[in-house]
Amino acid sequence: MRDISERLRDIQEAIARITKYTNQGREKFDQDELVQTWVVHHLEIIGEATRSIPQDFKDLHSEIAWKQIGRMRNILIHIYFGIDRDIVWEVVERDLPNLKTSIDAILNSEENS
């Protein structure tokens, strides 16, 4: 079983992969189904990684919206054909930068301790 640090690195890597293709902007995202699928898949990976992180760790790092990440994963997995691109883009633009900052800080803190 993967440990917490490995799960956090999975999240970090998924964010980097999303950013690689969303840096081209909203218009490219809207026009390219492969980019949309790529982004959704990596958001699912983020959600899946959070499911394996123990609750006490989540409680310790309450600055991260763990429950909302899990809910997003469930929506993406179970309601795939009803996914709203506007919401996905909003998550990419608004939520991922903050999540990246938090995950980076946690991993840096662990590496320096």
Protein backbone atom coordinates (compact mmCIF):
# COMPACT_ATOMS: atom_id res chain seq x y z
CA MET A 1 0.00 0.00 0.00
CA ARG A 2 1.23 3.47 -0.86
CA ASP A 3 2.02 5.83 1.99
CA ILE A 4 0.70 9.36 2.45
CA SER A 5 3.73 11.02 0.84
CA GLU A 6 3.33 8.87 -2.26
CA ARG A 7 -0.36 9.80 -2.48
CA LEU A 8 0.53 13.47 -2.14
CA ARG A 9 3.10 13.10 -4.91
CA ASP A 10 0.41 11.44 -7.05
CA ILE A 11 -1.73 14.55 -6.53
CA GLN A 12 1.22 16.81 -7.30
CA GLU A 13 1.94 14.92 -10.52
CA ALA A 14 -1.71 14.96 -11.62
CA ILE A 15 -1.87 18.72 -11.10
CA ALA A 16 1.30 19.16 -13.18
CA ARG A 17 -0.16 17.04 -15.97
CA ILE A 18 -3.41 19.02 -15.94
CA THR A 19 -1.50 22.31 -15.98
CA LYS A 20 0.61 21.17 -18.93
CA TYR A 21 -2.47 21.10 -21.17
CA THR A 22 -4.65 23.78 -19.63
CA ASN A 23 -1.94 26.44 -19.95
CA GLN A 24 -3.14 26.74 -23.54
CA GLY A 25 -6.30 28.40 -22.25
CA ARG A 26 -10.03 27.88 -22.04
CA GLU A 27 -10.62 28.03 -25.79
CA LYS A 28 -8.24 25.11 -26.42
CA PHE A 29 -9.86 23.19 -23.56
CA ASP A 30 -13.35 23.73 -25.02
CA GLN A 31 -12.28 22.73 -28.53
CA ASP A 32 -10.18 19.67 -27.75
CA GLU A 33 -12.00 16.60 -26.45
CA LEU A 34 -8.68 14.87 -25.73
CA VAL A 35 -7.63 17.72 -23.45
CA GLN A 36 -11.00 17.56 -21.68
CA THR A 37 -10.65 13.80 -21.19
CA TRP A 38 -7.05 14.24 -19.98
CA VAL A 39 -8.10 16.85 -17.42
CA VAL A 40 -11.06 14.83 -16.15
CA HIS A 41 -8.92 11.69 -15.85
CA HIS A 42 -6.30 13.49 -13.78
CA LEU A 43 -8.96 15.09 -11.57
CA GLU A 44 -10.21 11.54 -10.96
CA ILE A 45 -6.65 10.52 -10.00
CA ILE A 46 -6.51 13.38 -7.51
CA GLY A 47 -9.81 12.29 -6.00
CA GLU A 48 -8.75 8.66 -5.86
CA ALA A 49 -5.46 9.56 -4.17
CA THR A 50 -7.30 11.48 -1.45
CA ARG A 51 -9.47 8.45 -0.65
CA SER A 52 -6.42 6.59 0.67
CA ILE A 53 -5.22 9.38 2.93
CA PRO A 54 -6.15 8.75 6.59
CA GLN A 55 -8.73 11.01 8.20
CA ASP A 56 -6.37 12.11 10.99
CA PHE A 57 -3.97 13.46 8.36
CA LYS A 58 -6.85 15.24 6.62
CA ASP A 59 -7.93 16.73 9.95
CA LEU A 60 -4.38 17.97 10.50
CA HIS A 61 -4.44 19.64 7.08
CA SER A 62 -7.92 21.12 7.06
CA GLU A 63 -6.83 23.89 4.68
CA ILE A 64 -7.42 21.34 1.90
CA ALA A 65 -11.02 20.73 0.84
CA TRP A 66 -10.73 16.94 1.10
CA LYS A 67 -14.48 16.25 1.05
CA GLN A 68 -15.06 18.44 -1.99
CA ILE A 69 -12.23 16.68 -3.82
CA GLY A 70 -13.84 13.34 -3.04
CA ARG A 71 -17.24 14.57 -4.18
CA MET A 72 -15.78 15.83 -7.43
CA ARG A 73 -14.17 12.44 -8.03
CA ASN A 74 -17.51 10.71 -7.47
CA ILE A 75 -19.27 13.03 -9.90
CA LEU A 76 -16.59 12.55 -12.54
CA ILE A 77 -16.61 8.76 -12.18
CA HIS A 78 -20.35 8.16 -11.87
CA ILE A 79 -21.91 10.94 -13.93
CA TYR A 80 -19.36 11.07 -16.72
CA PHE A 81 -21.79 12.04 -19.49
CA GLY A 82 -23.26 14.84 -17.41
CA ILE A 83 -19.99 16.60 -16.66
CA ASP A 84 -20.19 20.37 -16.94
CA ARG A 85 -17.07 21.73 -18.68
CA ASP A 86 -17.58 25.10 -16.99
CA ILE A 87 -17.30 23.48 -13.57
CA VAL A 88 -14.25 21.46 -14.59
CA TRP A 89 -12.57 24.60 -15.90
CA GLU A 90 -13.46 26.48 -12.72
CA VAL A 91 -11.79 23.75 -10.66
CA VAL A 92 -8.69 23.97 -12.88
CA GLU A 93 -8.48 27.75 -12.64
CA ARG A 94 -9.65 28.40 -9.09
CA ASP A 95 -8.99 25.29 -7.01
CA LEU A 96 -5.94 23.52 -8.42
CA PRO A 97 -3.47 26.37 -7.81
CA ASN A 98 -4.44 26.45 -4.11
CA LEU A 99 -4.32 22.66 -3.87
CA LYS A 100 -0.88 22.65 -5.48
CA THR A 101 0.38 25.25 -3.02
CA SER A 102 -0.91 23.24 -0.05
CA ILE A 103 0.42 19.89 -1.29
CA ASP A 104 3.82 21.41 -2.11
CA ALA A 105 4.01 22.94 1.38
CA ILE A 106 3.14 19.64 3.08
CA LEU A 107 5.70 17.71 1.05
CA ASN A 108 8.39 20.36 1.61
CA SER A 109 7.68 20.31 5.32
CA GLU A 110 8.00 16.52 5.43
CA GLU A 111 11.25 16.59 3.47
CA ASN A 112 12.73 19.20 5.82
CA SER A 113 11.77 17.40 9.03
